[in-house]
C-alpha atoms as a PDB file:
ATOM      1  CA  MET A   1      -2.457  36.505 -31.143  1.00  0.00           C
ATOM      2  CA  THR A   2      -1.864  40.222 -29.469  1.00  0.00           C
ATOM      3  CA  SER A   3      -1.295  38.933 -25.318  1.00  0.00           C
ATOM      4  CA  SER A   4      -4.939  40.214 -24.670  1.00  0.00           C
ATOM      5  CA  LEU A   5      -6.394  36.757 -25.448  1.00  0.00           C
ATOM      6  CA  PRO A   6      -7.047  35.880 -22.009  1.00  0.00           C
ATOM      7  CA  VAL A   7      -6.531  31.443 -20.745  1.00  0.00           C
ATOM      8  CA  ILE A   8      -7.521  31.117 -17.787  1.00  0.00           C
ATOM      9  CA  ASN A   9      -5.460  28.188 -15.835  1.00  0.00           C
ATOM     10  CA  LEU A  10      -7.515  26.839 -12.997  1.00  0.00           C
ATOM     11  CA  MET A  11      -5.439  24.140 -10.735  1.00  0.00           C
ATOM     12  CA  GLY A  12      -5.207  22.384  -7.358  1.00  0.00           C
ATOM     13  CA  PRO A  13      -5.037  18.887  -6.082  1.00  0.00           C
ATOM     14  CA  THR A  14      -7.225  16.252  -6.122  1.00  0.00           C
ATOM     15  CA  ALA A  15     -10.674  16.892  -4.496  1.00  0.00           C
ATOM     16  CA  SER A  16      -9.643  20.261  -4.014  1.00  0.00           C
ATOM     17  CA  GLY A  17     -13.340  21.123  -6.192  1.00  0.00           C
ATOM     18  CA  LYS A  18     -11.662  22.126  -9.943  1.00  0.00           C
ATOM     19  CA  THR A  19     -14.287  20.030 -11.958  1.00  0.00           C
ATOM     20  CA  ALA A  20     -17.196  21.678  -9.770  1.00  0.00           C
ATOM     21  CA  LEU A  21     -16.417  25.066 -10.540  1.00  0.00           C
ATOM     22  CA  ALA A  22     -15.560  24.989 -13.814  1.00  0.00           C
ATOM     23  CA  CYS A  23     -18.640  23.653 -14.740  1.00  0.00           C
ATOM     24  CA  GLU A  24     -20.523  26.196 -12.293  1.00  0.00           C
ATOM     25  CA  LEU A  25     -18.227  29.143 -14.729  1.00  0.00           C
ATOM     26  CA  TYR A  26     -19.072  26.859 -18.697  1.00  0.00           C
ATOM     27  CA  GLU A  27     -22.968  27.566 -17.988  1.00  0.00           C
ATOM     28  CA  GLN A  28     -22.730  30.825 -18.137  1.00  0.00           C
ATOM     29  CA  GLY A  29     -22.352  30.559 -21.873  1.00  0.00           C
ATOM     30  CA  ASN A  30     -18.765  32.359 -22.644  1.00  0.00           C
ATOM     31  CA  PHE A  31     -16.139  29.279 -21.247  1.00  0.00           C
ATOM     32  CA  GLU A  32     -15.206  25.932 -23.138  1.00  0.00           C
ATOM     33  CA  LEU A  33     -13.375  23.107 -20.802  1.00  0.00           C
ATOM     34  CA  ILE A  34      -9.342  22.138 -21.349  1.00  0.00           C
ATOM     35  CA  SER A  35      -9.052  18.589 -18.976  1.00  0.00           C
ATOM     36  CA  VAL A  36      -5.370  19.336 -17.839  1.00  0.00           C
ATOM     37  CA  ASP A  37      -4.711  15.717 -16.410  1.00  0.00           C
ATOM     38  CA  SER A  38      -2.174  13.030 -17.047  1.00  0.00           C
ATOM     39  CA  ALA A  39      -4.771  10.358 -16.754  1.00  0.00           C
ATOM     40  CA  LEU A  40      -7.702  11.685 -17.533  1.00  0.00           C
ATOM     41  CA  VAL A  41      -6.264  11.277 -21.652  1.00  0.00           C
ATOM     42  CA  TYR A  42      -7.075   7.460 -20.966  1.00  0.00           C
ATOM     43  CA  LYS A  43      -9.769   5.757 -22.879  1.00  0.00           C
ATOM     44  CA  ASP A  44     -11.241   3.188 -20.156  1.00  0.00           C
ATOM     45  CA  MET A  45      -9.882   4.690 -17.455  1.00  0.00           C
ATOM     46  CA  ASP A  46     -12.868   6.237 -15.496  1.00  0.00           C
ATOM     47  CA  ILE A  47     -13.561   5.468 -12.245  1.00  0.00           C
ATOM     48  CA  GLY A  48     -10.332   5.570 -10.790  1.00  0.00           C
ATOM     49  CA  THR A  49      -9.152   8.507 -12.357  1.00  0.00           C
ATOM     50  CA  ALA A  50     -12.311  10.127 -10.720  1.00  0.00           C
ATOM     51  CA  LYS A  51     -13.182  11.082 -15.114  1.00  0.00           C
ATOM     52  CA  PRO A  52     -16.169  13.021 -15.129  1.00  0.00           C
ATOM     53  CA  SER A  53     -19.431  10.662 -16.786  1.00  0.00           C
ATOM     54  CA  LYS A  54     -20.653  10.858 -19.525  1.00  0.00           C
ATOM     55  CA  GLU A  55     -23.674  13.028 -19.261  1.00  0.00           C
ATOM     56  CA  GLU A  56     -21.523  14.944 -17.581  1.00  0.00           C
ATOM     57  CA  GLN A  57     -19.217  15.337 -20.311  1.00  0.00           C
ATOM     58  CA  ALA A  58     -22.073  15.971 -22.970  1.00  0.00           C
ATOM     59  CA  GLN A  59     -23.624  18.573 -20.696  1.00  0.00           C
ATOM     60  CA  TYR A  60     -20.020  20.598 -19.617  1.00  0.00           C
ATOM     61  CA  PRO A  61     -17.800  19.985 -22.684  1.00  0.00           C
ATOM     62  CA  HIS A  62     -13.939  18.219 -21.240  1.00  0.00           C
ATOM     63  CA  HIS A  63     -11.219  19.118 -24.617  1.00  0.00           C
ATOM     64  CA  LEU A  64      -8.749  16.242 -24.378  1.00  0.00           C
ATOM     65  CA  ILE A  65     -10.502  13.290 -22.013  1.00  0.00           C
ATOM     66  CA  ASP A  66     -10.167  10.236 -23.027  1.00  0.00           C
ATOM     67  CA  ILE A  67      -7.449  10.535 -26.320  1.00  0.00           C
ATOM     68  CA  ILE A  68      -5.245   7.352 -26.883  1.00  0.00           C
ATOM     69  CA  THR A  69      -5.601   4.112 -25.674  1.00  0.00           C
ATOM     70  CA  PRO A  70      -3.606   3.006 -21.497  1.00  0.00           C
ATOM     71  CA  LEU A  71      -0.949   1.738 -23.736  1.00  0.00           C
ATOM     72  CA  GLU A  72      -0.048   4.427 -25.394  1.00  0.00           C
ATOM     73  CA  VAL A  73       2.087   7.320 -24.061  1.00  0.00           C
ATOM     74  CA  TYR A  74       1.552  11.546 -23.920  1.00  0.00           C
ATOM     75  CA  SER A  75       3.970  13.672 -23.322  1.00  0.00           C
ATOM     76  CA  ALA A  76       4.152  17.040 -21.397  1.00  0.00           C
ATOM     77  CA  ALA A  77       5.508  18.570 -25.037  1.00  0.00           C
ATOM     78  CA  GLU A  78       2.359  16.775 -27.443  1.00  0.00           C
ATOM     79  CA  PHE A  79      -0.373  18.362 -24.539  1.00  0.00           C
ATOM     80  CA  VAL A  80       1.466  22.446 -24.856  1.00  0.00           C
ATOM     81  CA  GLN A  81       0.644  21.756 -28.977  1.00  0.00           C
ATOM     82  CA  ASP A  82      -2.772  20.277 -28.386  1.00  0.00           C
ATOM     83  CA  ALA A  83      -3.594  22.961 -25.896  1.00  0.00           C
ATOM     84  CA  THR A  84      -2.443  25.927 -28.118  1.00  0.00           C
ATOM     85  CA  ARG A  85      -4.203  24.561 -30.786  1.00  0.00           C
ATOM     86  CA  LEU A  86      -7.393  24.395 -28.671  1.00  0.00           C
ATOM     87  CA  ILE A  87      -6.720  28.416 -27.077  1.00  0.00           C
ATOM     88  CA  ASP A  88      -6.462  29.221 -30.448  1.00  0.00           C
ATOM     89  CA  GLU A  89      -9.886  26.977 -31.848  1.00  0.00           C
ATOM     90  CA  ILE A  90     -11.910  28.332 -28.720  1.00  0.00           C
ATOM     91  CA  HIS A  91     -10.732  31.899 -29.533  1.00  0.00           C
ATOM     92  CA  LEU A  92     -11.506  32.147 -32.584  1.00  0.00           C
ATOM     93  CA  ARG A  93     -15.151  31.406 -32.139  1.00  0.00           C
ATOM     94  CA  GLY A  94     -15.744  34.118 -29.142  1.00  0.00           C
ATOM     95  CA  LYS A  95     -15.385  32.331 -25.912  1.00  0.00           C
ATOM     96  CA  THR A  96     -12.728  32.177 -23.684  1.00  0.00           C
ATOM     97  CA  PRO A  97     -10.387  29.539 -22.422  1.00  0.00           C
ATOM     98  CA  ILE A  98     -10.756  27.321 -18.529  1.00  0.00           C
ATOM     99  CA  LEU A  99      -7.833  25.236 -18.163  1.00  0.00           C
ATOM    100  CA  VAL A 100      -8.778  23.142 -15.509  1.00  0.00           C
ATOM    101  CA  GLY A 101      -6.829  20.068 -13.920  1.00  0.00           C
ATOM    102  CA  GLY A 102      -3.537  18.918 -11.412  1.00  0.00           C
ATOM    103  CA  THR A 103      -1.442  18.232 -13.187  1.00  0.00           C
ATOM    104  CA  MET A 104       1.078  20.939 -13.164  1.00  0.00           C
ATOM    105  CA  LEU A 105       3.643  19.591 -15.043  1.00  0.00           C
ATOM    106  CA  TYR A 106       1.633  20.178 -17.686  1.00  0.00           C
ATOM    107  CA  PHE A 107       0.457  23.836 -16.463  1.00  0.00           C
ATOM    108  CA  LYS A 108       4.594  24.137 -16.204  1.00  0.00           C
ATOM    109  CA  ALA A 109       5.269  23.444 -19.808  1.00  0.00           C
ATOM    110  CA  LEU A 110       2.189  25.403 -21.483  1.00  0.00           C
ATOM    111  CA  LEU A 111       3.518  28.953 -18.805  1.00  0.00           C
ATOM    112  CA  GLU A 112       7.167  28.481 -19.019  1.00  0.00           C
ATOM    113  CA  GLY A 113       7.522  26.910 -21.786  1.00  0.00           C
ATOM    114  CA  LEU A 114       9.499  23.833 -23.746  1.00  0.00           C
ATOM    115  CA  SER A 115      12.408  22.664 -25.890  1.00  0.00           C
ATOM    116  CA  ASP A 116      11.307  23.086 -29.495  1.00  0.00           C
ATOM    117  CA  ASN A 117      13.924  20.427 -30.461  1.00  0.00           C
ATOM    118  CA  LEU A 118      12.602  17.623 -28.044  1.00  0.00           C
ATOM    119  CA  PRO A 119      11.720  14.736 -29.545  1.00  0.00           C
ATOM    120  CA  SER A 120       9.010  12.963 -29.029  1.00  0.00           C
ATOM    121  CA  ALA A 121       8.095   9.710 -26.933  1.00  0.00           C
ATOM    122  CA  ASP A 122       9.127   7.021 -28.552  1.00  0.00           C
ATOM    123  CA  GLN A 123       6.832   3.502 -27.203  1.00  0.00           C
ATOM    124  CA  GLU A 124      10.151   1.575 -28.779  1.00  0.00           C
ATOM    125  CA  VAL A 125      12.968   2.932 -27.013  1.00  0.00           C
ATOM    126  CA  ARG A 126      10.753   3.060 -23.150  1.00  0.00           C
ATOM    127  CA  GLN A 127       9.833  -0.676 -23.854  1.00  0.00           C
ATOM    128  CA  LYS A 128      14.089  -0.757 -24.814  1.00  0.00           C
ATOM    129  CA  ILE A 129      14.855   0.804 -21.302  1.00  0.00           C
ATOM    130  CA  ILE A 130      11.516  -1.133 -19.009  1.00  0.00           C
ATOM    131  CA  GLN A 131      13.105  -4.527 -21.050  1.00  0.00           C
ATOM    132  CA  LYS A 132      16.801  -3.021 -19.700  1.00  0.00           C
ATOM    133  CA  ALA A 133      15.665  -2.197 -15.627  1.00  0.00           C
ATOM    134  CA  GLU A 134      13.948  -5.225 -15.384  1.00  0.00           C
ATOM    135  CA  PHE A 135      16.664  -7.073 -16.484  1.00  0.00           C
ATOM    136  CA  GLU A 136      19.442  -5.601 -14.426  1.00  0.00           C
ATOM    137  CA  GLY A 137      17.286  -3.480 -12.698  1.00  0.00           C
ATOM    138  CA  TRP A 138      16.584   1.090 -12.101  1.00  0.00           C
ATOM    139  CA  GLN A 139      21.161   1.262 -10.587  1.00  0.00           C
ATOM    140  CA  SER A 140      22.286  -0.058 -13.333  1.00  0.00           C
ATOM    141  CA  VAL A 141      19.529   2.749 -16.217  1.00  0.00           C
ATOM    142  CA  TYR A 142      20.194   5.379 -13.339  1.00  0.00           C
ATOM    143  CA  ASP A 143      24.047   4.713 -14.309  1.00  0.00           C
ATOM    144  CA  GLU A 144      23.570   5.174 -17.161  1.00  0.00           C
ATOM    145  CA  LEU A 145      22.187   8.146 -17.018  1.00  0.00           C
ATOM    146  CA  VAL A 146      24.768   8.788 -14.621  1.00  0.00           C
ATOM    147  CA  HIS A 147      27.117   8.767 -17.733  1.00  0.00           C
ATOM    148  CA  VAL A 148      25.451   9.840 -20.745  1.00  0.00           C
ATOM    149  CA  ASP A 149      24.178  12.986 -19.064  1.00  0.00           C
ATOM    150  CA  PRO A 150      25.381  13.860 -15.302  1.00  0.00           C
ATOM    151  CA  LEU A 151      23.585  17.190 -15.132  1.00  0.00           C
ATOM    152  CA  ALA A 152      20.302  14.918 -15.119  1.00  0.00           C
ATOM    153  CA  SER A 153      20.950  12.498 -13.276  1.00  0.00           C
ATOM    154  CA  GLN A 154      21.680  14.650 -10.279  1.00  0.00           C
ATOM    155  CA  LYS A 155      18.436  16.294 -10.691  1.00  0.00           C
ATOM    156  CA  PHE A 156      16.802  12.783  -9.608  1.00  0.00           C
ATOM    157  CA  SER A 157      17.252  10.152  -7.752  1.00  0.00           C
ATOM    158  CA  VAL A 158      17.485   6.657  -8.963  1.00  0.00           C
ATOM    159  CA  THR A 159      13.910   5.568  -7.698  1.00  0.00           C
ATOM    160  CA  ASP A 160      12.366   8.784 -10.416  1.00  0.00           C
ATOM    161  CA  LYS A 161      11.620   6.159 -12.559  1.00  0.00           C
ATOM    162  CA  GLN A 162       9.145   8.381 -16.170  1.00  0.00           C
ATOM    163  CA  ARG A 163      11.979  10.741 -15.432  1.00  0.00           C
ATOM    164  CA  ILE A 164      14.817   8.217 -15.734  1.00  0.00           C
ATOM    165  CA  ILE A 165      13.377   6.968 -19.203  1.00  0.00           C
ATOM    166  CA  ARG A 166      12.196  10.287 -20.644  1.00  0.00           C
ATOM    167  CA  ALA A 167      16.085  11.345 -20.435  1.00  0.00           C
ATOM    168  CA  LEU A 168      17.623   8.514 -21.799  1.00  0.00           C
ATOM    169  CA  GLU A 169      14.382   8.365 -24.232  1.00  0.00           C
ATOM    170  CA  VAL A 170      16.297  11.860 -25.155  1.00  0.00           C
ATOM    171  CA  TYR A 171      19.134  10.771 -24.887  1.00  0.00           C
ATOM    172  CA  LYS A 172      18.922   8.391 -27.466  1.00  0.00           C
ATOM    173  CA  LEU A 173      16.861   9.621 -29.567  1.00  0.00           C
ATOM    174  CA  THR A 174      19.404  12.572 -30.163  1.00  0.00           C
ATOM    175  CA  GLY A 175      22.266  11.860 -29.361  1.00  0.00           C
ATOM    176  CA  LYS A 176      22.597  14.700 -26.522  1.00  0.00           C
ATOM    177  CA  PRO A 177      21.369  14.614 -23.407  1.00  0.00           C
ATOM    178  CA  ILE A 178      17.991  15.846 -22.951  1.00  0.00           C
ATOM    179  CA  THR A 179      19.954  19.574 -20.281  1.00  0.00           C
ATOM    180  CA  GLN A 180      21.237  20.739 -22.997  1.00  0.00           C
ATOM    181  CA  LEU A 181      18.411  21.071 -25.152  1.00  0.00           C
ATOM    182  CA  GLN A 182      16.526  22.263 -22.750  1.00  0.00           C
ATOM    183  CA  ALA A 183      18.524  24.984 -21.939  1.00  0.00           C
ATOM    184  CA  GLU A 184      19.378  25.910 -25.992  1.00  0.00           C
ATOM    185  CA  GLN A 185      15.713  26.929 -26.617  1.00  0.00           C
ATOM    186  CA  SER A 186      12.891  27.349 -24.918  1.00  0.00           C
ATOM    187  CA  LYS A 187       9.750  28.395 -25.890  1.00  0.00           C
ATOM    188  CA  ASN A 188       7.405  30.471 -24.129  1.00  0.00           C
ATOM    189  CA  LEU A 189       4.015  31.336 -25.078  1.00  0.00           C
ATOM    190  CA  SER A 190       3.468  34.723 -22.762  1.00  0.00           C
ATOM    191  CA  TYR A 191       4.175  36.797 -25.828  1.00  0.00           C
ATOM    192  CA  ARG A 192       0.493  34.951 -27.346  1.00  0.00           C
ATOM    193  CA  TYR A 193      -2.291  35.336 -23.885  1.00  0.00           C
ATOM    194  CA  THR A 194      -2.574  36.613 -20.911  1.00  0.00           C
ATOM    195  CA  PHE A 195      -2.139  33.647 -18.827  1.00  0.00           C
ATOM    196  CA  HIS A 196      -4.355  34.161 -15.429  1.00  0.00           C
ATOM    197  CA  ASN A 197      -3.592  31.374 -13.020  1.00  0.00           C
ATOM    198  CA  TYR A 198      -5.698  30.157 -10.017  1.00  0.00           C
ATOM    199  CA  ALA A 199      -5.080  27.747  -7.375  1.00  0.00           C
ATOM    200  CA  LEU A 200      -7.545  26.035  -5.173  1.00  0.00           C
ATOM    201  CA  MET A 201      -6.412  24.602  -1.731  1.00  0.00           C
ATOM    202  CA  PRO A 202      -8.373  24.063   0.942  1.00  0.00           C
ATOM    203  CA  ASP A 203      -8.095  22.553   4.438  1.00  0.00           C
ATOM    204  CA  ARG A 204      -5.178  19.807   4.265  1.00  0.00           C
ATOM    205  CA  VAL A 205      -7.367  17.569   6.958  1.00  0.00           C
ATOM    206  CA  GLU A 206     -10.539  19.151   4.731  1.00  0.00           C
ATOM    207  CA  LEU A 207      -9.225  17.570   2.279  1.00  0.00           C
ATOM    208  CA  HIS A 208      -8.000  14.373   3.046  1.00  0.00           C
ATOM    209  CA  GLN A 209     -11.577  14.046   4.447  1.00  0.00           C
ATOM    210  CA  ARG A 210     -12.533  14.219   0.801  1.00  0.00           C
ATOM    211  CA  ILE A 211      -9.952  12.047  -0.973  1.00  0.00           C
ATOM    212  CA  GLU A 212     -10.561   8.935   1.548  1.00  0.00           C
ATOM    213  CA  GLN A 213     -14.793  10.020   0.805  1.00  0.00           C
ATOM    214  CA  ARG A 214     -14.288   9.680  -2.854  1.00  0.00           C
ATOM    215  CA  LEU A 215     -12.020   6.131  -2.727  1.00  0.00           C
ATOM    216  CA  LYS A 216     -14.298   4.788  -0.511  1.00  0.00           C
ATOM    217  CA  ILE A 217     -17.247   6.240  -3.279  1.00  0.00           C
ATOM    218  CA  MET A 218     -15.056   4.604  -6.560  1.00  0.00           C
ATOM    219  CA  TRP A 219     -15.288   1.012  -4.460  1.00  0.00           C
ATOM    220  CA  GLY A 220     -18.351   1.022  -4.978  1.00  0.00           C
ATOM    221  CA  MET A 221     -18.197   1.938  -8.027  1.00  0.00           C
ATOM    222  CA  GLY A 222     -16.502  -0.903  -9.515  1.00  0.00           C
ATOM    223  CA  PHE A 223     -12.432   1.009  -9.184  1.00  0.00           C
ATOM    224  CA  PHE A 224     -11.147  -3.339  -9.124  1.00  0.00           C
ATOM    225  CA  ASP A 225     -13.075  -4.541 -11.689  1.00  0.00           C
ATOM    226  CA  GLU A 226     -12.211  -1.651 -13.754  1.00  0.00           C
ATOM    227  CA  VAL A 227      -8.609  -2.208 -13.484  1.00  0.00           C
ATOM    228  CA  LEU A 228      -8.741  -6.003 -14.347  1.00  0.00           C
ATOM    229  CA  PHE A 229     -10.828  -4.999 -17.087  1.00  0.00           C
ATOM    230  CA  LEU A 230      -7.854  -3.026 -18.388  1.00  0.00           C
ATOM    231  CA  ILE A 231      -5.687  -5.440 -17.729  1.00  0.00           C
ATOM    232  CA  GLN A 232      -7.164  -7.912 -19.461  1.00  0.00           C
ATOM    233  CA  LYS A 233      -8.203  -5.810 -22.670  1.00  0.00           C
ATOM    234  CA  TYR A 234      -4.882  -4.571 -22.640  1.00  0.00           C
ATOM    235  CA  ASP A 235      -2.666  -6.213 -22.218  1.00  0.00           C
ATOM    236  CA  LEU A 236      -0.863  -3.885 -19.464  1.00  0.00           C
ATOM    237  CA  THR A 237       1.886  -4.410 -16.884  1.00  0.00           C
ATOM    238  CA  PRO A 238       3.224  -2.306 -14.225  1.00  0.00           C
ATOM    239  CA  GLU A 239       5.815  -0.180 -15.715  1.00  0.00           C
ATOM    240  CA  ILE A 240       3.461   1.554 -18.987  1.00  0.00           C
ATOM    241  CA  PRO A 241       2.738   5.325 -17.819  1.00  0.00           C
ATOM    242  CA  SER A 242      -1.097   4.751 -17.912  1.00  0.00           C
ATOM    243  CA  MET A 243      -0.513   1.714 -15.154  1.00  0.00           C
ATOM    244  CA  ARG A 244       0.834   4.190 -12.817  1.00  0.00           C
ATOM    245  CA  ALA A 245      -1.579   6.499 -12.748  1.00  0.00           C
ATOM    246  CA  VAL A 246      -2.495   8.129  -8.991  1.00  0.00           C
ATOM    247  CA  GLY A 247      -5.624   6.136  -8.686  1.00  0.00           C
END
């Protein structure tokens, strides 16, 4: 691999027009699209995530959509692994990958690197942490983090539940603080690709109007019924990551 291989990153907030622009570029014939969205990875979560319709996906295929169930966990590390594999496959086909989405944690992990020695998500360990929070409160879970990883606890508050869960999960799986593992080794992909980063940033007032209109459309499409269906099909609880998606 050489740094001459281009990767286009198209990022921006919800309703900024990222997907529409990416689809326009796709029509030129020399691009493939990779979704960078932590909600679009879930199957059956369509309306609330503003997922491209089946017809749109058939016309403008996106990688990394509908890859797991709402009961599963998908980490930034897994995204980087999947995205780099897809980027290489797309380059081998003689095309340029466009990564489009609004999950900045994924973009950050891809651009700045992650520790190679961080373990993948473990649903059993996460569930035990969540159960402790349910019985003893999040302050108790946060206090445990303060004890095992004071540096991590300084970076976020008791309300940052996802980050607390991840930090404790890493400690329980490795016996080492996540901050120590992150400091030990980082993998940056800039040596493999030339990243071209673009952000769509509409006027704030206009953006809020777009989001409000999008929500009205979602309700009309049956967003509420979709949530009921998901809860019944998968026996979901509010603590599962999929149920904390923005939609």
